[in-house]
Amino acid sequence: MVPSTSRAIAAAGALALAACGGTPREDAARVDMDTDWAQVPEDVAFGELSAVDVDSHGHIFVLHRAGREWVEPFPAEEIAEPTVFMFASNGRLLGKWGSGALVMPHGLSVDGEDKVWITDVAREQVLRFSHDGNEELVIGERGVSGQDGAHFARPADVAFVGDRVLVADGYINDRIAIFDREGNFLGQWGEEGAGEGQFDLPHAIAADEERIYVADRENARVQVLTHDGEPLAIWKPDGTGHPYAVKPIGSGYALIVEGRDAQNRYGAIMRVYRADGSLERVFDAGIDPREGESLGHDIALARDGSVYMIDNRAGRVVKFKLGSAGVSDED
């Protein structure tokens, strides 16, 4: 099952985009963003932000690490505070959960049944939760890494195709591991390398009705696969940086965010790719460099065309419309 938000955006029609070309970072247009969208109470604070997704009701799930930072070796104990916040589209906090459940959470994806899947790179596991935070399923052996059907090595992200769960087992294994919805291992694709069908830190994975998209981070490219894992294309125009997240936005187009540019500088440059892999649009969703540093770590799309982006270094969740970036979901 492909997530409903992707289907809704695809059904809106072909994209009409305003600008094109491989614009370098210095010339990337800025987009109008709502940086104060999330209404977090004074007694609650975001920690290190990691992931975001949208459910079928338009609720926005934000994953963070509370008071914990990414430091190695990873701690062994769970984070005591809630790590998952759920917001309405207007930014109102609807609920929070995850206390005592996660150690170093990384990826969060909501499936077509509004189940919430989270990867934990310290626990070496993928966990499925109900919409309101009840743990339902755990895949992998806690704290034990491996490359077989029962182990991960720092799993990064999850996507869904039909009844299959695709795990970007990314930081060490450089593979896509495939499971059914109950956690039974079905197979895997890929290996370490820079060739077709190979990966160097698959950091994010997403799917639409026809394709799978992998943010092949350290190869500085997006790989496009069939639903059976066969390589279709490699997207790597000149001047592109390191993709941290990718989301299809309809008609074969995809939106990516680069957490590091071609010179390895942190930022949040977004690129829109056409279905043939050519670059359609570039814009900057990061903080003004005079005010601090950005790292675009994840993106999510809502039915109304809103984009939500995790800015890991600036510590914020920004919201903007595709139209404000010169992107329209209308013919």
C-alpha atoms as a PDB file:
ATOM      1  CA  MET A   1       0.000   0.000   0.000  1.00  0.00           C
ATOM      2  CA  VAL A   2       1.436   3.359  -1.048  1.00  0.00           C
ATOM      3  CA  PRO A   3       0.847   6.107   1.560  1.00  0.00           C
ATOM      4  CA  SER A   4      -2.361   8.029   0.925  1.00  0.00           C
ATOM      5  CA  THR A   5      -0.707  11.453   0.882  1.00  0.00           C
ATOM      6  CA  SER A   6       1.463  10.459  -2.068  1.00  0.00           C
ATOM      7  CA  ARG A   7      -1.561   9.084  -3.914  1.00  0.00           C
ATOM      8  CA  ALA A   8      -3.551  12.255  -3.279  1.00  0.00           C
ATOM      9  CA  ILE A   9      -0.811  14.507  -4.575  1.00  0.00           C
ATOM     10  CA  ALA A  10      -0.247  12.297  -7.616  1.00  0.00           C
ATOM     11  CA  ALA A  11      -3.962  12.367  -8.411  1.00  0.00           C
ATOM     12  CA  ALA A  12      -3.956  16.152  -8.441  1.00  0.00           C
ATOM     13  CA  GLY A  13      -2.341  16.091 -11.878  1.00  0.00           C
ATOM     14  CA  ALA A  14       0.979  16.837 -13.526  1.00  0.00           C
ATOM     15  CA  LEU A  15       3.219  19.400 -11.908  1.00  0.00           C
ATOM     16  CA  ALA A  16       3.646  22.890 -13.352  1.00  0.00           C
ATOM     17  CA  LEU A  17       6.971  24.226 -12.114  1.00  0.00           C
ATOM     18  CA  ALA A  18       8.310  27.721 -12.420  1.00  0.00           C
ATOM     19  CA  ALA A  19      12.069  27.454 -12.687  1.00  0.00           C
ATOM     20  CA  CYS A  20      14.618  24.934 -13.828  1.00  0.00           C
ATOM     21  CA  GLY A  21      18.315  24.223 -13.990  1.00  0.00           C
ATOM     22  CA  GLY A  22      21.107  23.098 -11.729  1.00  0.00           C
ATOM     23  CA  THR A  23      21.241  26.248  -9.668  1.00  0.00           C
ATOM     24  CA  PRO A  24      24.225  26.277  -7.271  1.00  0.00           C
ATOM     25  CA  ARG A  25      23.634  26.664  -3.569  1.00  0.00           C
ATOM     26  CA  GLU A  26      24.508  30.373  -3.499  1.00  0.00           C
ATOM     27  CA  ASP A  27      21.808  31.134  -6.078  1.00  0.00           C
ATOM     28  CA  ALA A  28      19.057  28.871  -4.774  1.00  0.00           C
ATOM     29  CA  ALA A  29      15.863  30.858  -4.293  1.00  0.00           C
ATOM     30  CA  ARG A  30      14.437  31.004  -0.794  1.00  0.00           C
ATOM     31  CA  VAL A  31      10.912  29.822  -0.116  1.00  0.00           C
ATOM     32  CA  ASP A  32       8.292  31.425   2.128  1.00  0.00           C
ATOM     33  CA  MET A  33       8.159  29.234   5.221  1.00  0.00           C
ATOM     34  CA  ASP A  34       6.173  29.111   8.427  1.00  0.00           C
ATOM     35  CA  THR A  35       8.920  28.527  10.973  1.00  0.00           C
ATOM     36  CA  ASP A  36       6.674  28.947  14.034  1.00  0.00           C
ATOM     37  CA  TRP A  37       4.037  26.498  12.856  1.00  0.00           C
ATOM     38  CA  ALA A  38       4.423  23.930  15.654  1.00  0.00           C
ATOM     39  CA  GLN A  39       2.744  25.168  18.838  1.00  0.00           C
ATOM     40  CA  VAL A  40       4.828  23.501  21.525  1.00  0.00           C
ATOM     41  CA  PRO A  41       3.779  24.328  25.114  1.00  0.00           C
ATOM     42  CA  GLU A  42       6.313  26.148  27.279  1.00  0.00           C
ATOM     43  CA  ASP A  43       6.762  23.135  29.532  1.00  0.00           C
ATOM     44  CA  VAL A  44       7.512  20.878  26.538  1.00  0.00           C
ATOM     45  CA  ALA A  45      10.500  21.235  24.240  1.00  0.00           C
ATOM     46  CA  PHE A  46      11.746  19.599  21.082  1.00  0.00           C
ATOM     47  CA  GLY A  47      14.975  17.722  21.428  1.00  0.00           C
ATOM     48  CA  GLU A  48      17.201  16.766  18.513  1.00  0.00           C
ATOM     49  CA  LEU A  49      14.715  16.416  15.639  1.00  0.00           C
ATOM     50  CA  SER A  50      14.933  13.434  13.315  1.00  0.00           C
ATOM     51  CA  ALA A  51      11.812  12.577  11.284  1.00  0.00           C
ATOM     52  CA  VAL A  52       8.323  13.646  10.217  1.00  0.00           C
ATOM     53  CA  ASP A  53       5.335  12.076   8.449  1.00  0.00           C
ATOM     54  CA  VAL A  54       1.619  12.703   7.913  1.00  0.00           C
ATOM     55  CA  ASP A  55      -1.240  10.271   8.549  1.00  0.00           C
ATOM     56  CA  SER A  56      -4.493   9.841   6.610  1.00  0.00           C
ATOM     57  CA  HIS A  57      -6.233  12.433   8.810  1.00  0.00           C
ATOM     58  CA  GLY A  58      -3.638  15.120   8.132  1.00  0.00           C
ATOM     59  CA  HIS A  59      -2.034  14.748  11.562  1.00  0.00           C
ATOM     60  CA  ILE A  60       1.693  15.442  11.556  1.00  0.00           C
ATOM     61  CA  PHE A  61       3.950  13.087  13.512  1.00  0.00           C
ATOM     62  CA  VAL A  62       7.304  14.500  14.608  1.00  0.00           C
ATOM     63  CA  LEU A  63      10.082  12.296  15.989  1.00  0.00           C
ATOM     64  CA  HIS A  64      12.725  13.782  18.258  1.00  0.00           C
ATOM     65  CA  ARG A  65      15.278  12.638  20.845  1.00  0.00           C
ATOM     66  CA  ALA A  66      14.257  14.829  23.796  1.00  0.00           C
ATOM     67  CA  GLY A  67      17.406  15.678  25.762  1.00  0.00           C
ATOM     68  CA  ARG A  68      19.583  13.123  23.967  1.00  0.00           C
ATOM     69  CA  GLU A  69      22.038  13.981  21.192  1.00  0.00           C
ATOM     70  CA  TRP A  70      23.597  11.714  18.584  1.00  0.00           C
ATOM     71  CA  VAL A  71      26.786  10.675  20.373  1.00  0.00           C
ATOM     72  CA  GLU A  72      28.684   7.443  19.954  1.00  0.00           C
ATOM     73  CA  PRO A  73      28.860   4.967  21.498  1.00  0.00           C
ATOM     74  CA  PHE A  74      25.106   5.110  21.863  1.00  0.00           C
ATOM     75  CA  PRO A  75      23.584   4.949  25.349  1.00  0.00           C
ATOM     76  CA  ALA A  76      21.851   1.737  26.385  1.00  0.00           C
ATOM     77  CA  GLU A  77      18.901   3.166  28.290  1.00  0.00           C
ATOM     78  CA  GLU A  78      15.648   4.405  26.780  1.00  0.00           C
ATOM     79  CA  ILE A  79      14.772   8.092  26.581  1.00  0.00           C
ATOM     80  CA  ALA A  80      12.467   8.821  29.513  1.00  0.00           C
ATOM     81  CA  GLU A  81      10.530  11.659  27.863  1.00  0.00           C
ATOM     82  CA  PRO A  82       7.979  11.407  25.009  1.00  0.00           C
ATOM     83  CA  THR A  83       9.736  11.174  21.646  1.00  0.00           C
ATOM     84  CA  VAL A  84       6.730  11.331  19.283  1.00  0.00           C
ATOM     85  CA  PHE A  85       4.585  14.470  19.040  1.00  0.00           C
ATOM     86  CA  MET A  86       1.371  14.562  17.001  1.00  0.00           C
ATOM     87  CA  PHE A  87       0.157  17.918  15.654  1.00  0.00           C
ATOM     88  CA  ALA A  88      -2.911  19.151  13.802  1.00  0.00           C
ATOM     89  CA  SER A  89      -2.271  20.909  10.503  1.00  0.00           C
ATOM     90  CA  ASN A  90      -2.670  24.278  12.264  1.00  0.00           C
ATOM     91  CA  GLY A  91       0.215  23.390  14.573  1.00  0.00           C
ATOM     92  CA  ARG A  92      -1.802  22.528  17.670  1.00  0.00           C
ATOM     93  CA  LEU A  93      -0.237  19.744  19.721  1.00  0.00           C
ATOM     94  CA  LEU A  94      -2.721  16.858  19.860  1.00  0.00           C
ATOM     95  CA  GLY A  95      -0.726  14.322  21.790  1.00  0.00           C
ATOM     96  CA  LYS A  96       2.669  12.876  22.609  1.00  0.00           C
ATOM     97  CA  TRP A  97       3.972   9.409  23.372  1.00  0.00           C
ATOM     98  CA  GLY A  98       7.068   7.216  23.275  1.00  0.00           C
ATOM     99  CA  SER A  99       8.327   7.658  26.838  1.00  0.00           C
ATOM    100  CA  GLY A 100      10.705   4.850  27.770  1.00  0.00           C
ATOM    101  CA  ALA A 101      10.425   3.177  24.358  1.00  0.00           C
ATOM    102  CA  LEU A 102      13.333   4.392  22.220  1.00  0.00           C
ATOM    103  CA  VAL A 103      17.084   4.843  22.604  1.00  0.00           C
ATOM    104  CA  MET A 104      18.288   6.607  19.433  1.00  0.00           C
ATOM    105  CA  PRO A 105      15.252   6.980  17.150  1.00  0.00           C
ATOM    106  CA  HIS A 106      15.966   7.896  13.546  1.00  0.00           C
ATOM    107  CA  GLY A 107      13.185   7.321  10.997  1.00  0.00           C
ATOM    108  CA  LEU A 108       9.391   7.546  11.288  1.00  0.00           C
ATOM    109  CA  SER A 109       6.879   6.467   8.636  1.00  0.00           C
ATOM    110  CA  VAL A 110       3.087   6.187   8.807  1.00  0.00           C
ATOM    111  CA  ASP A 111       1.533   3.397   6.746  1.00  0.00           C
ATOM    112  CA  GLY A 112      -1.850   3.261   5.022  1.00  0.00           C
ATOM    113  CA  GLU A 113      -3.515   1.948   8.187  1.00  0.00           C
ATOM    114  CA  ASP A 114      -2.061   4.807  10.263  1.00  0.00           C
ATOM    115  CA  LYS A 115       0.391   2.528  12.017  1.00  0.00           C
ATOM    116  CA  VAL A 116       3.595   4.331  12.989  1.00  0.00           C
ATOM    117  CA  TRP A 117       6.902   2.629  12.142  1.00  0.00           C
ATOM    118  CA  ILE A 118      10.093   3.869  13.800  1.00  0.00           C
ATOM    119  CA  THR A 119      13.709   2.837  13.287  1.00  0.00           C
ATOM    120  CA  ASP A 120      16.053   2.887  16.277  1.00  0.00           C
ATOM    121  CA  VAL A 121      19.732   2.817  15.336  1.00  0.00           C
ATOM    122  CA  ALA A 122      20.880   2.050  18.900  1.00  0.00           C
ATOM    123  CA  ARG A 123      18.368  -0.731  19.521  1.00  0.00           C
ATOM    124  CA  GLU A 124      19.099  -2.091  15.992  1.00  0.00           C
ATOM    125  CA  GLN A 125      15.373  -2.549  15.541  1.00  0.00           C
ATOM    126  CA  VAL A 126      12.311  -1.440  13.617  1.00  0.00           C
ATOM    127  CA  LEU A 127       9.226  -0.946  15.783  1.00  0.00           C
ATOM    128  CA  ARG A 128       5.562  -0.651  14.832  1.00  0.00           C
ATOM    129  CA  PHE A 129       3.229   1.361  17.047  1.00  0.00           C
ATOM    130  CA  SER A 130      -0.492   1.991  16.982  1.00  0.00           C
ATOM    131  CA  HIS A 131      -1.649   5.505  16.136  1.00  0.00           C
ATOM    132  CA  ASP A 132      -1.732   6.389  19.827  1.00  0.00           C
ATOM    133  CA  GLY A 133       1.625   4.841  20.689  1.00  0.00           C
ATOM    134  CA  ASN A 134       1.067   1.249  21.777  1.00  0.00           C
ATOM    135  CA  GLU A 135       3.951  -0.981  20.733  1.00  0.00           C
ATOM    136  CA  GLU A 136       2.651  -3.729  18.413  1.00  0.00           C
ATOM    137  CA  LEU A 137       5.660  -5.265  16.679  1.00  0.00           C
ATOM    138  CA  VAL A 138       9.449  -5.307  16.945  1.00  0.00           C
ATOM    139  CA  ILE A 139      11.730  -6.526  14.134  1.00  0.00           C
ATOM    140  CA  GLY A 140      15.356  -7.314  14.925  1.00  0.00           C
ATOM    141  CA  GLU A 141      17.320  -8.355  17.991  1.00  0.00           C
ATOM    142  CA  ARG A 142      17.881  -5.566  20.448  1.00  0.00           C
ATOM    143  CA  GLY A 143      21.437  -4.236  20.462  1.00  0.00           C
ATOM    144  CA  VAL A 144      22.729  -6.928  18.099  1.00  0.00           C
ATOM    145  CA  SER A 145      23.763  -5.968  14.579  1.00  0.00           C
ATOM    146  CA  GLY A 146      23.835  -8.269  11.575  1.00  0.00           C
ATOM    147  CA  GLN A 147      22.899  -8.591   7.926  1.00  0.00           C
ATOM    148  CA  ASP A 148      20.477 -11.488   7.924  1.00  0.00           C
ATOM    149  CA  GLY A 149      16.697 -11.567   8.171  1.00  0.00           C
ATOM    150  CA  ALA A 150      16.675 -11.172  11.942  1.00  0.00           C
ATOM    151  CA  HIS A 151      19.166  -8.329  12.373  1.00  0.00           C
ATOM    152  CA  PHE A 152      19.886  -4.793  11.213  1.00  0.00           C
ATOM    153  CA  ALA A 153      22.910  -2.513  11.410  1.00  0.00           C
ATOM    154  CA  ARG A 154      21.605   0.968  12.191  1.00  0.00           C
ATOM    155  CA  PRO A 155      18.357   0.939  10.179  1.00  0.00           C
ATOM    156  CA  ALA A 156      17.488   4.395   8.877  1.00  0.00           C
ATOM    157  CA  ASP A 157      14.003   4.511   7.338  1.00  0.00           C
ATOM    158  CA  VAL A 158      10.905   2.559   6.282  1.00  0.00           C
ATOM    159  CA  ALA A 159       8.589   2.626   3.250  1.00  0.00           C
ATOM    160  CA  PHE A 160       5.636   0.518   2.134  1.00  0.00           C
ATOM    161  CA  VAL A 161       4.771  -1.222  -1.147  1.00  0.00           C
ATOM    162  CA  GLY A 162       1.675  -3.390  -1.125  1.00  0.00           C
ATOM    163  CA  ASP A 163       1.917  -5.700   1.882  1.00  0.00           C
ATOM    164  CA  ARG A 164       5.683  -5.296   2.073  1.00  0.00           C
ATOM    165  CA  VAL A 165       7.716  -3.185   4.467  1.00  0.00           C
ATOM    166  CA  LEU A 166      10.972  -1.881   2.982  1.00  0.00           C
ATOM    167  CA  VAL A 167      13.699  -0.974   5.467  1.00  0.00           C
ATOM    168  CA  ALA A 168      16.619   1.210   4.407  1.00  0.00           C
ATOM    169  CA  ASP A 169      19.149  -0.672   6.528  1.00  0.00           C
ATOM    170  CA  GLY A 170      21.407   2.120   5.912  1.00  0.00           C
ATOM    171  CA  TYR A 171      24.287   3.188   8.094  1.00  0.00           C
ATOM    172  CA  ILE A 172      26.302  -0.036   7.903  1.00  0.00           C
ATOM    173  CA  ASN A 173      24.564  -2.704   5.819  1.00  0.00           C
ATOM    174  CA  ASP A 174      23.876  -0.604   2.694  1.00  0.00           C
ATOM    175  CA  ARG A 175      20.865  -2.680   1.724  1.00  0.00           C
ATOM    176  CA  ILE A 176      17.087  -2.585   1.487  1.00  0.00           C
ATOM    177  CA  ALA A 177      15.633  -5.329   3.708  1.00  0.00           C
ATOM    178  CA  ILE A 178      12.110  -6.526   2.894  1.00  0.00           C
ATOM    179  CA  PHE A 179       9.522  -7.832   5.361  1.00  0.00           C
ATOM    180  CA  ASP A 180       5.818  -8.518   5.447  1.00  0.00           C
ATOM    181  CA  ARG A 181       3.570  -6.513   7.785  1.00  0.00           C
ATOM    182  CA  GLU A 182       4.117  -9.017  10.595  1.00  0.00           C
ATOM    183  CA  GLY A 183       7.892  -8.807  10.445  1.00  0.00           C
ATOM    184  CA  ASN A 184       8.652 -11.955   8.459  1.00  0.00           C
ATOM    185  CA  PHE A 185      11.781 -11.561   6.332  1.00  0.00           C
ATOM    186  CA  LEU A 186      11.182 -11.788   2.574  1.00  0.00           C
ATOM    187  CA  GLY A 187      14.551 -10.838   1.107  1.00  0.00           C
ATOM    188  CA  GLN A 188      16.904  -7.957   0.443  1.00  0.00           C
ATOM    189  CA  TRP A 189      18.290  -5.766  -2.338  1.00  0.00           C
ATOM    190  CA  GLY A 190      21.611  -4.057  -2.765  1.00  0.00           C
ATOM    191  CA  GLU A 191      25.099  -4.031  -1.303  1.00  0.00           C
ATOM    192  CA  GLU A 192      27.847  -1.535  -0.568  1.00  0.00           C
ATOM    193  CA  GLY A 193      29.204   0.261  -3.619  1.00  0.00           C
ATOM    194  CA  ALA A 194      28.689   3.023  -6.139  1.00  0.00           C
ATOM    195  CA  GLY A 195      27.306   0.980  -9.007  1.00  0.00           C
ATOM    196  CA  GLU A 196      23.750   0.493 -10.176  1.00  0.00           C
ATOM    197  CA  GLY A 197      21.701  -1.137  -7.423  1.00  0.00           C
ATOM    198  CA  GLN A 198      24.450  -0.558  -4.868  1.00  0.00           C
ATOM    199  CA  PHE A 199      24.306   1.897  -1.974  1.00  0.00           C
ATOM    200  CA  ASP A 200      26.497   3.947   0.320  1.00  0.00           C
ATOM    201  CA  LEU A 201      24.255   4.769   3.272  1.00  0.00           C
ATOM    202  CA  PRO A 202      20.674   4.538   2.014  1.00  0.00           C
ATOM    203  CA  HIS A 203      19.335   7.176   4.411  1.00  0.00           C
ATOM    204  CA  ALA A 204      15.706   7.405   3.281  1.00  0.00           C
ATOM    205  CA  ILE A 205      13.270   5.423   1.167  1.00  0.00           C
ATOM    206  CA  ALA A 206       9.853   6.248  -0.312  1.00  0.00           C
ATOM    207  CA  ALA A 207       7.476   4.786  -2.883  1.00  0.00           C
ATOM    208  CA  ASP A 208       4.654   5.754  -5.210  1.00  0.00           C
ATOM    209  CA  GLU A 209       2.365   3.610  -7.364  1.00  0.00           C
ATOM    210  CA  GLU A 210       5.157   2.615  -9.757  1.00  0.00           C
ATOM    211  CA  ARG A 211       8.568   3.371  -8.286  1.00  0.00           C
ATOM    212  CA  ILE A 212      10.765   3.217  -5.211  1.00  0.00           C
ATOM    213  CA  TYR A 213      13.069   6.144  -4.441  1.00  0.00           C
ATOM    214  CA  VAL A 214      16.189   5.796  -2.296  1.00  0.00           C
ATOM    215  CA  ALA A 215      18.235   8.704  -0.928  1.00  0.00           C
ATOM    216  CA  ASP A 216      21.660   7.136  -1.478  1.00  0.00           C
ATOM    217  CA  ARG A 217      23.295   9.658   0.800  1.00  0.00           C
ATOM    218  CA  GLU A 218      27.038   9.131   0.616  1.00  0.00           C
ATOM    219  CA  ASN A 219      26.901   8.366  -3.108  1.00  0.00           C
ATOM    220  CA  ALA A 220      25.280  11.822  -3.425  1.00  0.00           C
ATOM    221  CA  ARG A 221      22.429  10.585  -5.604  1.00  0.00           C
ATOM    222  CA  VAL A 222      18.868   9.299  -5.697  1.00  0.00           C
ATOM    223  CA  GLN A 223      18.323   5.791  -7.009  1.00  0.00           C
ATOM    224  CA  VAL A 224      15.001   4.877  -8.595  1.00  0.00           C
ATOM    225  CA  LEU A 225      13.897   1.235  -8.534  1.00  0.00           C
ATOM    226  CA  THR A 226      10.937  -0.813  -9.673  1.00  0.00           C
ATOM    227  CA  HIS A 227       8.701  -2.308  -6.995  1.00  0.00           C
ATOM    228  CA  ASP A 228      10.690  -5.521  -7.510  1.00  0.00           C
ATOM    229  CA  GLY A 229      13.973  -3.776  -6.770  1.00  0.00           C
ATOM    230  CA  GLU A 230      15.258  -3.547 -10.334  1.00  0.00           C
ATOM    231  CA  PRO A 231      17.284  -0.358 -10.962  1.00  0.00           C
ATOM    232  CA  LEU A 232      15.528   2.134 -13.230  1.00  0.00           C
ATOM    233  CA  ALA A 233      17.579   5.300 -12.957  1.00  0.00           C
ATOM    234  CA  ILE A 234      20.230   7.188 -11.047  1.00  0.00           C
ATOM    235  CA  TRP A 235      19.609  10.885 -10.448  1.00  0.00           C
ATOM    236  CA  LYS A 236      22.828  12.803  -9.953  1.00  0.00           C
ATOM    237  CA  PRO A 237      22.981  16.051 -11.939  1.00  0.00           C
ATOM    238  CA  ASP A 238      26.174  18.093 -11.676  1.00  0.00           C
ATOM    239  CA  GLY A 239      26.450  20.120  -8.498  1.00  0.00           C
ATOM    240  CA  THR A 240      24.034  18.098  -6.393  1.00  0.00           C
ATOM    241  CA  GLY A 241      24.832  17.350  -2.780  1.00  0.00           C
ATOM    242  CA  HIS A 242      23.961  14.577  -0.355  1.00  0.00           C
ATOM    243  CA  PRO A 243      20.242  13.688  -0.221  1.00  0.00           C
ATOM    244  CA  TYR A 244      18.955  12.998   3.280  1.00  0.00           C
ATOM    245  CA  ALA A 245      15.274  12.515   2.343  1.00  0.00           C
ATOM    246  CA  VAL A 246      13.164  11.932  -0.762  1.00  0.00           C
ATOM    247  CA  LYS A 247       9.404  11.999  -1.380  1.00  0.00           C
ATOM    248  CA  PRO A 248       7.447  11.440  -4.616  1.00  0.00           C
ATOM    249  CA  ILE A 249       5.106  14.344  -5.398  1.00  0.00           C
ATOM    250  CA  GLY A 250       3.136  12.994  -8.361  1.00  0.00           C
ATOM    251  CA  SER A 251       3.565  12.175 -12.055  1.00  0.00           C
ATOM    252  CA  GLY A 252       6.992  10.665 -11.447  1.00  0.00           C
ATOM    253  CA  TYR A 253       8.354  13.859  -9.892  1.00  0.00           C
ATOM    254  CA  ALA A 254      10.176  13.745  -6.570  1.00  0.00           C
ATOM    255  CA  LEU A 255      11.266  16.240  -3.934  1.00  0.00           C
ATOM    256  CA  ILE A 256      14.565  15.770  -2.115  1.00  0.00           C
ATOM    257  CA  VAL A 257      16.333  17.662   0.640  1.00  0.00           C
ATOM    258  CA  GLU A 258      20.104  17.834   0.803  1.00  0.00           C
ATOM    259  CA  GLY A 259      21.484  17.903   4.332  1.00  0.00           C
ATOM    260  CA  ARG A 260      24.947  18.564   2.908  1.00  0.00           C
ATOM    261  CA  ASP A 261      25.853  20.194  -0.381  1.00  0.00           C
ATOM    262  CA  ALA A 262      28.512  19.156  -2.897  1.00  0.00           C
ATOM    263  CA  GLN A 263      31.153  20.932  -0.779  1.00  0.00           C
ATOM    264  CA  ASN A 264      29.965  19.062   2.352  1.00  0.00           C
ATOM    265  CA  ARG A 265      28.460  22.183   3.923  1.00  0.00           C
ATOM    266  CA  TYR A 266      25.360  21.593   6.022  1.00  0.00           C
ATOM    267  CA  GLY A 267      22.117  23.109   4.771  1.00  0.00           C
ATOM    268  CA  ALA A 268      18.602  22.403   3.547  1.00  0.00           C
ATOM    269  CA  ILE A 269      18.632  22.760  -0.220  1.00  0.00           C
ATOM    270  CA  MET A 270      15.572  21.224  -1.871  1.00  0.00           C
ATOM    271  CA  ARG A 271      15.471  19.940  -5.421  1.00  0.00           C
ATOM    272  CA  VAL A 272      12.554  18.844  -7.563  1.00  0.00           C
ATOM    273  CA  TYR A 273      13.342  16.149 -10.118  1.00  0.00           C
ATOM    274  CA  ARG A 274      11.332  15.303 -13.199  1.00  0.00           C
ATOM    275  CA  ALA A 275      10.454  11.695 -13.938  1.00  0.00           C
ATOM    276  CA  ASP A 276      13.403  11.444 -16.355  1.00  0.00           C
ATOM    277  CA  GLY A 277      15.847  12.539 -13.646  1.00  0.00           C
ATOM    278  CA  SER A 278      16.434  16.039 -14.935  1.00  0.00           C
ATOM    279  CA  LEU A 279      16.425  18.870 -12.443  1.00  0.00           C
ATOM    280  CA  GLU A 280      13.337  21.081 -12.490  1.00  0.00           C
ATOM    281  CA  ARG A 281      13.598  23.367  -9.493  1.00  0.00           C
ATOM    282  CA  VAL A 282      16.000  24.315  -6.685  1.00  0.00           C
ATOM    283  CA  PHE A 283      15.161  26.285  -3.548  1.00  0.00           C
ATOM    284  CA  ASP A 284      16.613  26.902  -0.115  1.00  0.00           C
ATOM    285  CA  ALA A 285      14.560  25.902   2.937  1.00  0.00           C
ATOM    286  CA  GLY A 286      17.352  26.456   5.437  1.00  0.00           C
ATOM    287  CA  ILE A 287      17.956  29.083   8.066  1.00  0.00           C
ATOM    288  CA  ASP A 288      19.732  32.306   7.079  1.00  0.00           C
ATOM    289  CA  PRO A 289      23.453  31.412   7.385  1.00  0.00           C
ATOM    290  CA  ARG A 290      23.965  34.620   9.358  1.00  0.00           C
ATOM    291  CA  GLU A 291      21.635  33.227  12.022  1.00  0.00           C
ATOM    292  CA  GLY A 292      22.920  29.685  12.312  1.00  0.00           C
ATOM    293  CA  GLU A 293      23.222  26.340  10.549  1.00  0.00           C
ATOM    294  CA  SER A 294      20.619  24.054   8.986  1.00  0.00           C
ATOM    295  CA  LEU A 295      20.532  20.352   8.244  1.00  0.00           C
ATOM    296  CA  GLY A 296      17.510  19.185   6.280  1.00  0.00           C
ATOM    297  CA  HIS A 297      16.960  15.675   7.638  1.00  0.00           C
ATOM    298  CA  ASP A 298      13.459  14.590   6.594  1.00  0.00           C
ATOM    299  CA  ILE A 299      10.405  15.777   4.661  1.00  0.00           C
ATOM    300  CA  ALA A 300       6.724  14.851   4.571  1.00  0.00           C
ATOM    301  CA  LEU A 301       3.857  15.765   2.270  1.00  0.00           C
ATOM    302  CA  ALA A 302       0.224  16.413   3.157  1.00  0.00           C
ATOM    303  CA  ARG A 303      -2.866  16.119   0.958  1.00  0.00           C
ATOM    304  CA  ASP A 304      -3.194  19.915   0.720  1.00  0.00           C
ATOM    305  CA  GLY A 305       0.291  20.283  -0.778  1.00  0.00           C
ATOM    306  CA  SER A 306       1.938  21.334   2.473  1.00  0.00           C
ATOM    307  CA  VAL A 307       5.520  20.237   2.964  1.00  0.00           C
ATOM    308  CA  TYR A 308       6.932  19.670   6.438  1.00  0.00           C
ATOM    309  CA  MET A 309      10.709  19.619   6.824  1.00  0.00           C
ATOM    310  CA  ILE A 310      12.851  18.576   9.762  1.00  0.00           C
ATOM    311  CA  ASP A 311      15.737  21.018  10.224  1.00  0.00           C
ATOM    312  CA  ASN A 312      17.944  19.015  12.545  1.00  0.00           C
ATOM    313  CA  ARG A 313      20.603  21.621  13.316  1.00  0.00           C
ATOM    314  CA  ALA A 314      18.281  24.615  13.564  1.00  0.00           C
ATOM    315  CA  GLY A 315      15.963  22.593  15.809  1.00  0.00           C
ATOM    316  CA  ARG A 316      12.731  23.361  13.993  1.00  0.00           C
ATOM    317  CA  VAL A 317       9.962  21.883  11.873  1.00  0.00           C
ATOM    318  CA  VAL A 318       9.179  24.223   8.989  1.00  0.00           C
ATOM    319  CA  LYS A 319       6.045  24.235   6.860  1.00  0.00           C
ATOM    320  CA  PHE A 320       5.486  25.615   3.381  1.00  0.00           C
ATOM    321  CA  LYS A 321       3.290  25.035   0.363  1.00  0.00           C
ATOM    322  CA  LEU A 322       4.639  23.528  -2.820  1.00  0.00           C
ATOM    323  CA  GLY A 323       3.161  26.514  -4.653  1.00  0.00           C
ATOM    324  CA  SER A 324       5.313  28.949  -2.671  1.00  0.00           C
ATOM    325  CA  ALA A 325       8.361  27.199  -4.079  1.00  0.00           C
ATOM    326  CA  GLY A 326       7.197  27.626  -7.655  1.00  0.00           C
ATOM    327  CA  VAL A 327       5.568  24.195  -7.624  1.00  0.00           C
ATOM    328  CA  SER A 328       1.896  23.620  -8.308  1.00  0.00           C
ATOM    329  CA  ASP A 329      -0.162  20.463  -7.992  1.00  0.00           C
ATOM    330  CA  GLU A 330      -2.535  21.659 -10.675  1.00  0.00           C
ATOM    331  CA  ASP A 331      -2.282  21.223 -14.435  1.00  0.00           C
END
